[in-house]
Each structure stands twice: as structure tokens, then as C-alpha cells.
Amino acid sequence: MPLGFSRIALNALLALAGGALVLWLTSSESLLGMFTQAVIYAIFALGVGLLLKQNGLVSFGHALFFGAAGYGMGVLLELGWMPAELALLAVLAAIAIGAFLIGLVIVRVPGIAFGMLTLAIGQMAYLLASRARGMTGGADGMGIAWPETLFGVSQSVLLQPGTLFMLAWVLLVLVACALQWILGTRFGAVTEAARDNEERARFIGIQTTVPRALVYALSAVVTGVAGLLSSLNTGFISPESLHWSVSAITLLMVVVGGFKHPVGPIVGAIVYFLFKDLLGDWATYSMAIFGAALIAVIVFSPDGITGALNKLRIRLRYGKLQKGAGHEQ
């Protein structure tokens, strides 16, 4: 068994144990609900962070896939074309195919133009959902008629705060480990080469458009998983889930946490929700305060919280090595 896979498996087991510990220590259902929402957005942030890390591109329209997952699930369940379990897979498959086809076009566009394109596409979906009242309920949104049992588990059990939290946590761990494994393969190396210097990558024979489109599709699927979890958690979907501001907030989480580290987006999402909860009466000004914190992070630690912690760890290790060398002399 490769060492890399063994390490990922060990990290997964430790993370699952950590989630179980959080569940055991948390007695408040409202606090568990906040943790569940934080974990859902952590998965969302992983999708946005993947695109930024591997393609070097910033998306202001990833809420398209977050909201589309909920709407897709709601429409399929309302029409009754297939069981809910199959509908979950169908929604993710549709997101993957749609995002890949979109990616084949827009990943060719560099820098800020890519961000503006994603913003335009996302807002088109937002307006469509707002006006298609017959199918989506328009601005009022639509309820999602989840079946009495899902994968053999009854709603009365599945919708309990503790169960939902652990479901979201397990999916977060699985998604994070799967992404870490994928990025450790040749595919990850190819996309990094295309990100760093696309012209040179093409010169040495690497086809760059398809891998970059695949990264875009993979990030969309991860975001879709978060959207499905959110729709299960709330039983409701509205056009607000498609709005560009949802993408912007998630992007802030990624930047604050640090997109270069595998767990950076997760840290950013958790910090954001804890930050909002700790503000209490000041929650009305949460975005302004979080914006000031974002500026501080960008100025003093461009690699985010995880980057700062990593630098601190290296300094401490270097200091110990120097101290050890001094004792030997």
C-alpha cells in the first residue's frame, strides 16, 4: 500500500474521530445546527479552493452549482421520475457534465475575465430561478419533498441534529481525502504545470484545456455535494442560494483559511461561522468586521491562517534545531 494512501487513510480516521468527539461534547442542538452549516460551507469552500489552487482562477459564480443541486433535487422529487437515491447521483452527474462543457469554454479565458464570466453565468441562473415561478416557486423558493426513508434511514433519524452533523462531517472528510489523493496523482501535477505556465506546458506536449475543464467540473461536483447537504438540512431552496454574494462569502472563507493548504478552506469556513456566533449583538456588522479581518490576513499572511500556522511551525522547528546544534557545540 503506498505511503501516501496510508497517510490519507490515517488522517481520515483521525478526522472522523475528531468529528465524533465534537458531537459527544456538544449538547446544544442549536450549536450542532451551526456546526452542520459550517461543515456544509466547508465542503463548498473546498470546491472553490480547488479551482483556485489547481487552475489559479477565481470564481464568483460557484453558487450556481450550490443552488442548482438543491433545485435539481427538488424538481426530480416533485416529478417522481426516479427514487431519491438515484436522483442524488443524477443531479451530481448533470452538474459534472454541465460544468465540464462550460469549463471547456471559459477556462481558456484568463484572470479577471474568467471571474466576470462565472459571475454572469451565475446571475443568469439566479434570474432564471427567480422568474420561473411555475417550476421553482420564483422568489418564494420551493420546498423539497424528501422521502420518508433515504438509503434505508428514516427521516426521523436522519434529520436529527447529531445525525445530520455526522453525515456532513463524514462527507467532508471523504471529499477532502479524495481531493488530496487526486491531486497527488499525475492529474494534479499536470494541472499545476498548466496553472504555473500554460504556454510552456503546451510546448512540452501537455494538453491543458481538458485537464483545466476537469478541475472546474470536479470543483463544481464538490460544490454540488454541499448544495445537496444544504437542501437536506433545510428542506428548502430559494434563488438566494444562487446569488453571487454566496460565492463571494465562500471565496472569503477560502482566502482567510488559505487555499494552498488542503485544509485551508475548511479552516476558513469554520472560523467564519464561529466568528459570526461569537459576535453576538454585533452580528449585524459581521461582514464589515470579517472584511477588516480579511484585509489583515491578506496584508500580514497572504497564505491565510493555515499558511501562518505552517510558518510558525517551521520557525519553531528551526529554533529547536538551532538550539540542539548549539548544545552539541
C-alpha atoms as a PDB file:
ATOM      1  CA  MET A   1       0.000   0.000   0.000  1.00  0.00           C
ATOM      2  CA  PRO A   2       1.513   3.367  -0.998  1.00  0.00           C
ATOM      3  CA  LEU A   3       2.652   5.570   1.850  1.00  0.00           C
ATOM      4  CA  GLY A   4       0.578   8.478   0.530  1.00  0.00           C
ATOM      5  CA  PHE A   5      -2.646   6.450   0.669  1.00  0.00           C
ATOM      6  CA  SER A   6      -1.782   5.171   4.152  1.00  0.00           C
ATOM      7  CA  ARG A   7      -1.224   8.701   5.387  1.00  0.00           C
ATOM      8  CA  ILE A   8      -4.504   9.897   3.871  1.00  0.00           C
ATOM      9  CA  ALA A   9      -6.351   6.963   5.472  1.00  0.00           C
ATOM     10  CA  LEU A  10      -4.786   7.734   8.864  1.00  0.00           C
ATOM     11  CA  ASN A  11      -5.725  11.416   8.561  1.00  0.00           C
ATOM     12  CA  ALA A  12      -9.275  10.382   7.646  1.00  0.00           C
ATOM     13  CA  LEU A  13      -9.596   8.170  10.723  1.00  0.00           C
ATOM     14  CA  LEU A  14      -8.268  10.939  12.991  1.00  0.00           C
ATOM     15  CA  ALA A  15     -10.649  13.457  11.432  1.00  0.00           C
ATOM     16  CA  LEU A  16     -13.632  11.122  11.870  1.00  0.00           C
ATOM     17  CA  ALA A  17     -12.661  10.612  15.497  1.00  0.00           C
ATOM     18  CA  GLY A  18     -12.459  14.391  15.901  1.00  0.00           C
ATOM     19  CA  GLY A  19     -15.968  14.799  14.500  1.00  0.00           C
ATOM     20  CA  ALA A  20     -17.299  12.142  16.882  1.00  0.00           C
ATOM     21  CA  LEU A  21     -15.605  13.982  19.765  1.00  0.00           C
ATOM     22  CA  VAL A  22     -17.246  17.279  18.759  1.00  0.00           C
ATOM     23  CA  LEU A  23     -20.634  15.535  18.652  1.00  0.00           C
ATOM     24  CA  TRP A  24     -20.058  13.979  22.081  1.00  0.00           C
ATOM     25  CA  LEU A  25     -19.005  17.295  23.651  1.00  0.00           C
ATOM     26  CA  THR A  26     -21.837  19.355  22.114  1.00  0.00           C
ATOM     27  CA  SER A  27     -25.158  19.062  23.924  1.00  0.00           C
ATOM     28  CA  SER A  28     -26.886  22.086  22.370  1.00  0.00           C
ATOM     29  CA  GLU A  29     -28.968  21.306  19.271  1.00  0.00           C
ATOM     30  CA  SER A  30     -28.707  24.909  18.036  1.00  0.00           C
ATOM     31  CA  LEU A  31     -24.924  24.760  18.305  1.00  0.00           C
ATOM     32  CA  LEU A  32     -24.903  21.454  16.427  1.00  0.00           C
ATOM     33  CA  GLY A  33     -27.035  23.096  13.759  1.00  0.00           C
ATOM     34  CA  MET A  34     -24.469  25.883  13.394  1.00  0.00           C
ATOM     35  CA  PHE A  35     -21.653  23.315  13.208  1.00  0.00           C
ATOM     36  CA  THR A  36     -23.563  21.434  10.493  1.00  0.00           C
ATOM     37  CA  GLN A  37     -23.960  24.615   8.465  1.00  0.00           C
ATOM     38  CA  ALA A  38     -20.248  25.358   8.922  1.00  0.00           C
ATOM     39  CA  VAL A  39     -19.316  21.880   7.687  1.00  0.00           C
ATOM     40  CA  ILE A  40     -21.596  22.235   4.652  1.00  0.00           C
ATOM     41  CA  TYR A  41     -19.928  25.502   3.719  1.00  0.00           C
ATOM     42  CA  ALA A  42     -16.537  23.923   4.367  1.00  0.00           C
ATOM     43  CA  ILE A  43     -17.342  21.434   1.581  1.00  0.00           C
ATOM     44  CA  PHE A  44     -18.460  24.356  -0.606  1.00  0.00           C
ATOM     45  CA  ALA A  45     -15.182  26.126   0.190  1.00  0.00           C
ATOM     46  CA  LEU A  46     -13.200  23.015  -0.764  1.00  0.00           C
ATOM     47  CA  GLY A  47     -14.737  23.231  -4.244  1.00  0.00           C
ATOM     48  CA  VAL A  48     -13.889  26.921  -4.636  1.00  0.00           C
ATOM     49  CA  GLY A  49     -10.419  26.387  -3.166  1.00  0.00           C
ATOM     50  CA  LEU A  50      -9.721  23.500  -5.557  1.00  0.00           C
ATOM     51  CA  LEU A  51     -10.355  25.746  -8.565  1.00  0.00           C
ATOM     52  CA  LEU A  52      -8.159  28.496  -7.141  1.00  0.00           C
ATOM     53  CA  LYS A  53      -5.329  26.135  -6.175  1.00  0.00           C
ATOM     54  CA  GLN A  54      -5.175  23.985  -9.316  1.00  0.00           C
ATOM     55  CA  ASN A  55      -6.278  26.421 -12.028  1.00  0.00           C
ATOM     56  CA  GLY A  56      -5.291  29.694 -10.396  1.00  0.00           C
ATOM     57  CA  LEU A  57      -8.759  31.041 -11.226  1.00  0.00           C
ATOM     58  CA  VAL A  58     -11.241  32.893  -9.029  1.00  0.00           C
ATOM     59  CA  SER A  59     -14.929  32.065  -9.474  1.00  0.00           C
ATOM     60  CA  PHE A  60     -17.688  34.480  -8.461  1.00  0.00           C
ATOM     61  CA  GLY A  61     -20.378  32.126  -9.729  1.00  0.00           C
ATOM     62  CA  HIS A  62     -19.888  28.816  -7.928  1.00  0.00           C
ATOM     63  CA  ALA A  63     -23.177  29.373  -6.113  1.00  0.00           C
ATOM     64  CA  LEU A  64     -24.656  28.244  -9.450  1.00  0.00           C
ATOM     65  CA  PHE A  65     -23.743  24.638  -8.622  1.00  0.00           C
ATOM     66  CA  PHE A  66     -24.638  25.006  -4.938  1.00  0.00           C
ATOM     67  CA  GLY A  67     -28.167  26.166  -5.765  1.00  0.00           C
ATOM     68  CA  ALA A  68     -28.586  24.012  -8.862  1.00  0.00           C
ATOM     69  CA  ALA A  69     -28.052  20.875  -6.754  1.00  0.00           C
ATOM     70  CA  GLY A  70     -30.944  21.820  -4.480  1.00  0.00           C
ATOM     71  CA  TYR A  71     -33.224  22.860  -7.330  1.00  0.00           C
ATOM     72  CA  GLY A  72     -32.360  19.754  -9.334  1.00  0.00           C
ATOM     73  CA  MET A  73     -33.179  17.535  -6.383  1.00  0.00           C
ATOM     74  CA  GLY A  74     -36.421  19.398  -5.669  1.00  0.00           C
ATOM     75  CA  VAL A  75     -37.649  19.172  -9.261  1.00  0.00           C
ATOM     76  CA  LEU A  76     -36.756  15.471  -9.647  1.00  0.00           C
ATOM     77  CA  LEU A  77     -38.501  14.554  -6.393  1.00  0.00           C
ATOM     78  CA  GLU A  78     -41.560  16.594  -7.350  1.00  0.00           C
ATOM     79  CA  LEU A  79     -41.785  14.931 -10.768  1.00  0.00           C
ATOM     80  CA  GLY A  80     -41.209  11.485  -9.242  1.00  0.00           C
ATOM     81  CA  TRP A  81     -39.146  10.231 -12.174  1.00  0.00           C
ATOM     82  CA  MET A  82     -36.759   8.189 -10.027  1.00  0.00           C
ATOM     83  CA  PRO A  83     -36.021   7.193  -6.432  1.00  0.00           C
ATOM     84  CA  ALA A  84     -34.339   9.836  -4.289  1.00  0.00           C
ATOM     85  CA  GLU A  85     -31.113   7.826  -4.046  1.00  0.00           C
ATOM     86  CA  LEU A  86     -30.820   7.697  -7.840  1.00  0.00           C
ATOM     87  CA  ALA A  87     -31.828  11.354  -8.098  1.00  0.00           C
ATOM     88  CA  LEU A  88     -28.853  12.334  -5.910  1.00  0.00           C
ATOM     89  CA  LEU A  89     -26.467  10.654  -8.339  1.00  0.00           C
ATOM     90  CA  ALA A  90     -28.308  12.082 -11.357  1.00  0.00           C
ATOM     91  CA  VAL A  91     -28.003  15.636 -10.021  1.00  0.00           C
ATOM     92  CA  LEU A  92     -24.266  15.281  -9.400  1.00  0.00           C
ATOM     93  CA  ALA A  93     -23.756  13.691 -12.829  1.00  0.00           C
ATOM     94  CA  ALA A  94     -25.669  16.526 -14.512  1.00  0.00           C
ATOM     95  CA  ILE A  95     -23.583  19.101 -12.632  1.00  0.00           C
ATOM     96  CA  ALA A  96     -20.359  17.338 -13.638  1.00  0.00           C
ATOM     97  CA  ILE A  97     -21.300  17.177 -17.336  1.00  0.00           C
ATOM     98  CA  GLY A  98     -22.678  20.725 -17.440  1.00  0.00           C
ATOM     99  CA  ALA A  99     -19.669  22.192 -15.625  1.00  0.00           C
ATOM    100  CA  PHE A 100     -17.235  20.305 -17.861  1.00  0.00           C
ATOM    101  CA  LEU A 101     -18.900  21.656 -21.016  1.00  0.00           C
ATOM    102  CA  ILE A 102     -18.927  25.182 -19.594  1.00  0.00           C
ATOM    103  CA  GLY A 103     -15.328  24.738 -18.444  1.00  0.00           C
ATOM    104  CA  LEU A 104     -14.137  23.785 -21.930  1.00  0.00           C
ATOM    105  CA  VAL A 105     -15.090  27.299 -22.988  1.00  0.00           C
ATOM    106  CA  ILE A 106     -14.383  29.559 -20.028  1.00  0.00           C
ATOM    107  CA  VAL A 107     -11.093  28.104 -18.717  1.00  0.00           C
ATOM    108  CA  ARG A 108      -9.492  29.492 -21.878  1.00  0.00           C
ATOM    109  CA  VAL A 109     -10.205  32.987 -20.569  1.00  0.00           C
ATOM    110  CA  PRO A 110      -7.521  34.324 -18.196  1.00  0.00           C
ATOM    111  CA  GLY A 111      -7.682  36.235 -14.934  1.00  0.00           C
ATOM    112  CA  ILE A 112     -10.425  38.684 -14.109  1.00  0.00           C
ATOM    113  CA  ALA A 113     -12.298  37.926 -17.334  1.00  0.00           C
ATOM    114  CA  PHE A 114     -12.860  34.362 -16.082  1.00  0.00           C
ATOM    115  CA  GLY A 115     -14.270  35.710 -12.823  1.00  0.00           C
ATOM    116  CA  MET A 116     -16.632  38.039 -14.693  1.00  0.00           C
ATOM    117  CA  LEU A 117     -17.815  35.181 -16.911  1.00  0.00           C
ATOM    118  CA  THR A 118     -18.599  32.981 -13.911  1.00  0.00           C
ATOM    119  CA  LEU A 119     -20.401  35.925 -12.314  1.00  0.00           C
ATOM    120  CA  ALA A 120     -22.507  36.470 -15.439  1.00  0.00           C
ATOM    121  CA  ILE A 121     -23.417  32.778 -15.775  1.00  0.00           C
ATOM    122  CA  GLY A 122     -24.300  32.527 -12.107  1.00  0.00           C
ATOM    123  CA  GLN A 123     -26.508  35.624 -12.175  1.00  0.00           C
ATOM    124  CA  MET A 124     -28.292  34.337 -15.265  1.00  0.00           C
ATOM    125  CA  ALA A 125     -29.211  31.206 -13.290  1.00  0.00           C
ATOM    126  CA  TYR A 126     -30.286  33.374 -10.347  1.00  0.00           C
ATOM    127  CA  LEU A 127     -32.642  35.422 -12.550  1.00  0.00           C
ATOM    128  CA  LEU A 128     -33.991  32.271 -14.222  1.00  0.00           C
ATOM    129  CA  ALA A 129     -34.797  30.674 -10.862  1.00  0.00           C
ATOM    130  CA  SER A 130     -36.406  33.922  -9.649  1.00  0.00           C
ATOM    131  CA  ARG A 131     -38.720  34.187 -12.652  1.00  0.00           C
ATOM    132  CA  ALA A 132     -39.548  30.536 -13.376  1.00  0.00           C
ATOM    133  CA  ARG A 133     -42.330  30.558 -10.797  1.00  0.00           C
ATOM    134  CA  GLY A 134     -44.119  27.531 -12.229  1.00  0.00           C
ATOM    135  CA  MET A 135     -41.124  25.241 -11.753  1.00  0.00           C
ATOM    136  CA  THR A 136     -39.033  26.776  -8.967  1.00  0.00           C
ATOM    137  CA  GLY A 137     -41.554  28.795  -6.985  1.00  0.00           C
ATOM    138  CA  GLY A 138     -39.858  32.006  -8.079  1.00  0.00           C
ATOM    139  CA  ALA A 139     -38.562  34.369  -5.412  1.00  0.00           C
ATOM    140  CA  ASP A 140     -40.534  32.435  -2.752  1.00  0.00           C
ATOM    141  CA  GLY A 141     -38.411  29.333  -3.323  1.00  0.00           C
ATOM    142  CA  MET A 142     -39.578  25.740  -3.174  1.00  0.00           C
ATOM    143  CA  GLY A 143     -39.831  23.055  -0.553  1.00  0.00           C
ATOM    144  CA  ILE A 144     -38.022  19.773  -1.210  1.00  0.00           C
ATOM    145  CA  ALA A 145     -40.203  16.718  -0.628  1.00  0.00           C
ATOM    146  CA  TRP A 146     -37.604  14.294   0.691  1.00  0.00           C
ATOM    147  CA  PRO A 147     -38.948  10.726   1.022  1.00  0.00           C
ATOM    148  CA  GLU A 148     -39.724   9.086   4.358  1.00  0.00           C
ATOM    149  CA  THR A 149     -36.567   6.970   4.072  1.00  0.00           C
ATOM    150  CA  LEU A 150     -33.259   7.697   2.364  1.00  0.00           C
ATOM    151  CA  PHE A 151     -30.758   4.859   1.904  1.00  0.00           C
ATOM    152  CA  GLY A 152     -32.826   2.864   4.355  1.00  0.00           C
ATOM    153  CA  VAL A 153     -32.691   5.535   7.102  1.00  0.00           C
ATOM    154  CA  SER A 154     -35.941   7.162   8.200  1.00  0.00           C
ATOM    155  CA  GLN A 155     -36.332  10.938   8.196  1.00  0.00           C
ATOM    156  CA  SER A 156     -36.974  10.978  11.934  1.00  0.00           C
ATOM    157  CA  VAL A 157     -33.428   9.655  12.435  1.00  0.00           C
ATOM    158  CA  LEU A 158     -31.708  11.350   9.504  1.00  0.00           C
ATOM    159  CA  LEU A 159     -32.918  14.850  10.345  1.00  0.00           C
ATOM    160  CA  GLN A 160     -31.797  14.752  13.948  1.00  0.00           C
ATOM    161  CA  PRO A 161     -29.091  17.430  14.547  1.00  0.00           C
ATOM    162  CA  GLY A 162     -26.489  14.877  15.623  1.00  0.00           C
ATOM    163  CA  THR A 163     -27.116  12.609  12.638  1.00  0.00           C
ATOM    164  CA  LEU A 164     -27.015  15.489  10.159  1.00  0.00           C
ATOM    165  CA  PHE A 165     -23.791  16.799  11.679  1.00  0.00           C
ATOM    166  CA  MET A 166     -22.058  13.427  11.448  1.00  0.00           C
ATOM    167  CA  LEU A 167     -23.348  12.872   7.903  1.00  0.00           C
ATOM    168  CA  ALA A 168     -21.966  16.251   6.825  1.00  0.00           C
ATOM    169  CA  TRP A 169     -18.701  15.622   8.696  1.00  0.00           C
ATOM    170  CA  VAL A 170     -18.178  12.186   7.133  1.00  0.00           C
ATOM    171  CA  LEU A 171     -18.824  13.602   3.664  1.00  0.00           C
ATOM    172  CA  LEU A 172     -16.418  16.476   4.368  1.00  0.00           C
ATOM    173  CA  VAL A 173     -13.680  14.018   5.367  1.00  0.00           C
ATOM    174  CA  LEU A 174     -14.330  11.778   2.349  1.00  0.00           C
ATOM    175  CA  VAL A 175     -14.313  14.721  -0.079  1.00  0.00           C
ATOM    176  CA  ALA A 176     -11.147  16.223   1.429  1.00  0.00           C
ATOM    177  CA  CYS A 177      -9.309  12.873   1.327  1.00  0.00           C
ATOM    178  CA  ALA A 178     -10.480  12.139  -2.222  1.00  0.00           C
ATOM    179  CA  LEU A 179      -9.236  15.544  -3.398  1.00  0.00           C
ATOM    180  CA  GLN A 180      -5.906  15.056  -1.617  1.00  0.00           C
ATOM    181  CA  TRP A 181      -5.467  11.693  -3.326  1.00  0.00           C
ATOM    182  CA  ILE A 182      -6.470  13.031  -6.773  1.00  0.00           C
ATOM    183  CA  LEU A 183      -4.119  15.990  -6.527  1.00  0.00           C
ATOM    184  CA  GLY A 184      -1.284  13.635  -5.607  1.00  0.00           C
ATOM    185  CA  THR A 185      -1.628  11.800  -8.926  1.00  0.00           C
ATOM    186  CA  ARG A 186      -0.277  12.761 -12.354  1.00  0.00           C
ATOM    187  CA  PHE A 187      -3.505  14.685 -12.962  1.00  0.00           C
ATOM    188  CA  GLY A 188      -2.623  17.044 -10.115  1.00  0.00           C
ATOM    189  CA  ALA A 189       0.884  17.574 -11.484  1.00  0.00           C
ATOM    190  CA  VAL A 190      -0.451  18.285 -14.996  1.00  0.00           C
ATOM    191  CA  THR A 191      -2.948  20.882 -13.783  1.00  0.00           C
ATOM    192  CA  GLU A 192      -0.304  22.560 -11.626  1.00  0.00           C
ATOM    193  CA  ALA A 193       2.009  22.760 -14.650  1.00  0.00           C
ATOM    194  CA  ALA A 194      -0.793  24.320 -16.701  1.00  0.00           C
ATOM    195  CA  ARG A 195      -1.532  26.770 -13.887  1.00  0.00           C
ATOM    196  CA  ASP A 196       2.080  27.894 -13.464  1.00  0.00           C
ATOM    197  CA  ASN A 197       2.923  28.262 -17.160  1.00  0.00           C
ATOM    198  CA  GLU A 198       0.303  27.108 -19.655  1.00  0.00           C
ATOM    199  CA  GLU A 199       2.378  28.050 -22.701  1.00  0.00           C
ATOM    200  CA  ARG A 200       5.386  26.025 -21.540  1.00  0.00           C
ATOM    201  CA  ALA A 201       3.138  23.089 -20.606  1.00  0.00           C
ATOM    202  CA  ARG A 202       1.746  23.042 -24.141  1.00  0.00           C
ATOM    203  CA  PHE A 203       5.241  23.303 -25.577  1.00  0.00           C
ATOM    204  CA  ILE A 204       6.292  20.067 -23.837  1.00  0.00           C
ATOM    205  CA  GLY A 205       3.194  18.259 -25.134  1.00  0.00           C
ATOM    206  CA  ILE A 206       0.661  18.670 -22.298  1.00  0.00           C
ATOM    207  CA  GLN A 207      -2.922  19.226 -23.421  1.00  0.00           C
ATOM    208  CA  THR A 208      -4.093  21.879 -20.950  1.00  0.00           C
ATOM    209  CA  THR A 209      -7.722  22.741 -21.774  1.00  0.00           C
ATOM    210  CA  VAL A 210      -9.303  19.387 -20.899  1.00  0.00           C
ATOM    211  CA  PRO A 211      -7.484  18.962 -17.541  1.00  0.00           C
ATOM    212  CA  ARG A 212      -8.398  22.519 -16.547  1.00  0.00           C
ATOM    213  CA  ALA A 213     -12.025  21.896 -17.537  1.00  0.00           C
ATOM    214  CA  LEU A 214     -11.954  18.685 -15.483  1.00  0.00           C
ATOM    215  CA  VAL A 215     -10.743  20.663 -12.457  1.00  0.00           C
ATOM    216  CA  TYR A 216     -13.622  23.082 -12.974  1.00  0.00           C
ATOM    217  CA  ALA A 217     -16.075  20.164 -13.211  1.00  0.00           C
ATOM    218  CA  LEU A 218     -14.611  18.482 -10.115  1.00  0.00           C
ATOM    219  CA  SER A 219     -14.879  21.700  -8.120  1.00  0.00           C
ATOM    220  CA  ALA A 220     -18.497  22.031  -9.301  1.00  0.00           C
ATOM    221  CA  VAL A 221     -19.325  18.481  -8.143  1.00  0.00           C
ATOM    222  CA  VAL A 222     -17.815  19.169  -4.706  1.00  0.00           C
ATOM    223  CA  THR A 223     -19.917  22.325  -4.503  1.00  0.00           C
ATOM    224  CA  GLY A 224     -22.949  20.285  -5.620  1.00  0.00           C
ATOM    225  CA  VAL A 225     -22.402  17.872  -2.720  1.00  0.00           C
ATOM    226  CA  ALA A 226     -22.564  20.868  -0.370  1.00  0.00           C
ATOM    227  CA  GLY A 227     -25.754  22.047  -2.090  1.00  0.00           C
ATOM    228  CA  LEU A 228     -27.426  18.659  -1.672  1.00  0.00           C
ATOM    229  CA  LEU A 229     -26.490  18.578   2.012  1.00  0.00           C
ATOM    230  CA  SER A 230     -27.830  22.089   2.493  1.00  0.00           C
ATOM    231  CA  SER A 231     -31.136  21.166   0.831  1.00  0.00           C
ATOM    232  CA  LEU A 232     -31.415  18.102   3.078  1.00  0.00           C
ATOM    233  CA  ASN A 233     -30.606  20.204   6.137  1.00  0.00           C
ATOM    234  CA  THR A 234     -33.209  22.886   5.410  1.00  0.00           C
ATOM    235  CA  GLY A 235     -35.706  21.048   3.175  1.00  0.00           C
ATOM    236  CA  PHE A 236     -35.918  24.241   1.149  1.00  0.00           C
ATOM    237  CA  ILE A 237     -34.182  26.017  -1.734  1.00  0.00           C
ATOM    238  CA  SER A 238     -34.528  29.610  -2.954  1.00  0.00           C
ATOM    239  CA  PRO A 239     -32.868  31.825  -5.583  1.00  0.00           C
ATOM    240  CA  GLU A 240     -30.740  33.367  -2.829  1.00  0.00           C
ATOM    241  CA  SER A 241     -28.645  30.179  -2.876  1.00  0.00           C
ATOM    242  CA  LEU A 242     -27.665  31.060  -6.462  1.00  0.00           C
ATOM    243  CA  HIS A 243     -26.742  34.682  -5.772  1.00  0.00           C
ATOM    244  CA  TRP A 244     -23.185  35.857  -6.377  1.00  0.00           C
ATOM    245  CA  SER A 245     -22.896  37.012  -2.751  1.00  0.00           C
ATOM    246  CA  VAL A 246     -22.942  33.347  -1.639  1.00  0.00           C
ATOM    247  CA  SER A 247     -19.952  32.698  -3.919  1.00  0.00           C
ATOM    248  CA  ALA A 248     -18.206  35.809  -2.585  1.00  0.00           C
ATOM    249  CA  ILE A 249     -18.641  34.800   1.060  1.00  0.00           C
ATOM    250  CA  THR A 250     -17.290  31.327   0.331  1.00  0.00           C
ATOM    251  CA  LEU A 251     -14.337  32.843  -1.513  1.00  0.00           C
ATOM    252  CA  LEU A 252     -13.621  34.947   1.591  1.00  0.00           C
ATOM    253  CA  MET A 253     -13.552  31.737   3.646  1.00  0.00           C
ATOM    254  CA  VAL A 254     -11.039  30.211   1.223  1.00  0.00           C
ATOM    255  CA  VAL A 255      -8.752  33.254   1.306  1.00  0.00           C
ATOM    256  CA  VAL A 256      -8.881  33.594   5.089  1.00  0.00           C
ATOM    257  CA  GLY A 257      -8.237  29.885   5.646  1.00  0.00           C
ATOM    258  CA  GLY A 258      -5.569  29.649   2.937  1.00  0.00           C
ATOM    259  CA  PHE A 259      -6.173  27.899  -0.372  1.00  0.00           C
ATOM    260  CA  LYS A 260      -2.663  26.480  -0.709  1.00  0.00           C
ATOM    261  CA  HIS A 261      -3.104  24.062   2.190  1.00  0.00           C
ATOM    262  CA  PRO A 262      -5.515  21.093   1.812  1.00  0.00           C
ATOM    263  CA  VAL A 263      -7.472  22.002   4.953  1.00  0.00           C
ATOM    264  CA  GLY A 264      -7.255  25.774   4.466  1.00  0.00           C
ATOM    265  CA  PRO A 265     -10.787  26.230   3.057  1.00  0.00           C
ATOM    266  CA  ILE A 266     -12.184  24.060   5.869  1.00  0.00           C
ATOM    267  CA  VAL A 267     -10.448  26.197   8.498  1.00  0.00           C
ATOM    268  CA  GLY A 268     -11.727  29.369   6.828  1.00  0.00           C
ATOM    269  CA  ALA A 269     -15.345  28.156   6.825  1.00  0.00           C
ATOM    270  CA  ILE A 270     -15.244  27.055  10.468  1.00  0.00           C
ATOM    271  CA  VAL A 271     -13.559  30.306  11.558  1.00  0.00           C
ATOM    272  CA  TYR A 272     -16.185  32.327   9.663  1.00  0.00           C
ATOM    273  CA  PHE A 273     -19.145  30.650  11.368  1.00  0.00           C
ATOM    274  CA  LEU A 274     -17.556  30.680  14.815  1.00  0.00           C
ATOM    275  CA  PHE A 275     -16.655  34.329  14.248  1.00  0.00           C
ATOM    276  CA  LYS A 276     -20.291  35.182  13.455  1.00  0.00           C
ATOM    277  CA  ASP A 277     -21.528  33.294  16.513  1.00  0.00           C
ATOM    278  CA  LEU A 278     -19.048  34.989  18.849  1.00  0.00           C
ATOM    279  CA  LEU A 279     -20.041  38.451  17.624  1.00  0.00           C
ATOM    280  CA  GLY A 280     -23.450  38.152  19.294  1.00  0.00           C
ATOM    281  CA  ASP A 281     -25.106  41.588  19.217  1.00  0.00           C
ATOM    282  CA  TRP A 282     -22.565  42.769  16.670  1.00  0.00           C
ATOM    283  CA  ALA A 283     -23.680  40.122  14.138  1.00  0.00           C
ATOM    284  CA  THR A 284     -25.360  42.851  12.047  1.00  0.00           C
ATOM    285  CA  TYR A 285     -21.900  44.174  11.213  1.00  0.00           C
ATOM    286  CA  SER A 286     -20.370  40.728  10.730  1.00  0.00           C
ATOM    287  CA  MET A 287     -19.449  41.237   7.057  1.00  0.00           C
ATOM    288  CA  ALA A 288     -17.734  44.577   7.766  1.00  0.00           C
ATOM    289  CA  ILE A 289     -15.768  43.062  10.654  1.00  0.00           C
ATOM    290  CA  PHE A 290     -14.943  39.943   8.663  1.00  0.00           C
ATOM    291  CA  GLY A 291     -13.865  42.180   5.765  1.00  0.00           C
ATOM    292  CA  ALA A 292     -11.446  44.010   8.068  1.00  0.00           C
ATOM    293  CA  ALA A 293     -10.128  40.634   9.251  1.00  0.00           C
ATOM    294  CA  LEU A 294      -9.703  39.607   5.616  1.00  0.00           C
ATOM    295  CA  ILE A 295      -7.627  42.717   4.898  1.00  0.00           C
ATOM    296  CA  ALA A 296      -5.451  41.951   7.921  1.00  0.00           C
ATOM    297  CA  VAL A 297      -4.926  38.368   6.742  1.00  0.00           C
ATOM    298  CA  ILE A 298      -4.016  39.464   3.208  1.00  0.00           C
ATOM    299  CA  VAL A 299      -1.542  42.070   4.494  1.00  0.00           C
ATOM    300  CA  PHE A 300       0.151  40.050   7.224  1.00  0.00           C
ATOM    301  CA  SER A 301      -0.348  36.470   5.963  1.00  0.00           C
ATOM    302  CA  PRO A 302      -1.238  36.185   2.250  1.00  0.00           C
ATOM    303  CA  ASP A 303      -1.344  32.384   2.631  1.00  0.00           C
ATOM    304  CA  GLY A 304      -4.155  32.622   5.173  1.00  0.00           C
ATOM    305  CA  ILE A 305      -4.470  31.163   8.661  1.00  0.00           C
ATOM    306  CA  THR A 306      -3.056  27.765   7.689  1.00  0.00           C
ATOM    307  CA  GLY A 307      -0.113  29.454   5.964  1.00  0.00           C
ATOM    308  CA  ALA A 308       0.641  31.477   9.095  1.00  0.00           C
ATOM    309  CA  LEU A 309       0.411  28.373  11.305  1.00  0.00           C
ATOM    310  CA  ASN A 310       2.683  26.459   8.933  1.00  0.00           C
ATOM    311  CA  LYS A 311       5.294  29.240   9.018  1.00  0.00           C
ATOM    312  CA  LEU A 312       5.099  29.288  12.822  1.00  0.00           C
ATOM    313  CA  ARG A 313       5.620  25.524  12.929  1.00  0.00           C
ATOM    314  CA  ILE A 314       8.681  25.796  10.657  1.00  0.00           C
ATOM    315  CA  ARG A 315      10.145  28.583  12.781  1.00  0.00           C
ATOM    316  CA  LEU A 316       9.647  26.600  15.981  1.00  0.00           C
ATOM    317  CA  ARG A 317      11.253  23.524  14.413  1.00  0.00           C
ATOM    318  CA  TYR A 318      14.143  25.626  13.078  1.00  0.00           C
ATOM    319  CA  GLY A 319      14.598  27.185  16.512  1.00  0.00           C
ATOM    320  CA  LYS A 320      14.772  23.748  18.138  1.00  0.00           C
ATOM    321  CA  LEU A 321      17.312  22.590  15.578  1.00  0.00           C
ATOM    322  CA  GLN A 322      19.475  25.651  16.191  1.00  0.00           C
ATOM    323  CA  LYS A 323      19.210  25.138  19.952  1.00  0.00           C
ATOM    324  CA  GLY A 324      20.183  21.480  19.542  1.00  0.00           C
ATOM    325  CA  ALA A 325      23.153  22.396  17.368  1.00  0.00           C
ATOM    326  CA  GLY A 326      24.279  24.949  19.950  1.00  0.00           C
ATOM    327  CA  HIS A 327      24.224  22.331  22.738  1.00  0.00           C
ATOM    328  CA  GLU A 328      26.271  19.918  20.629  1.00  0.00           C
ATOM    329  CA  GLN A 329      28.953  22.578  20.073  1.00  0.00           C
END
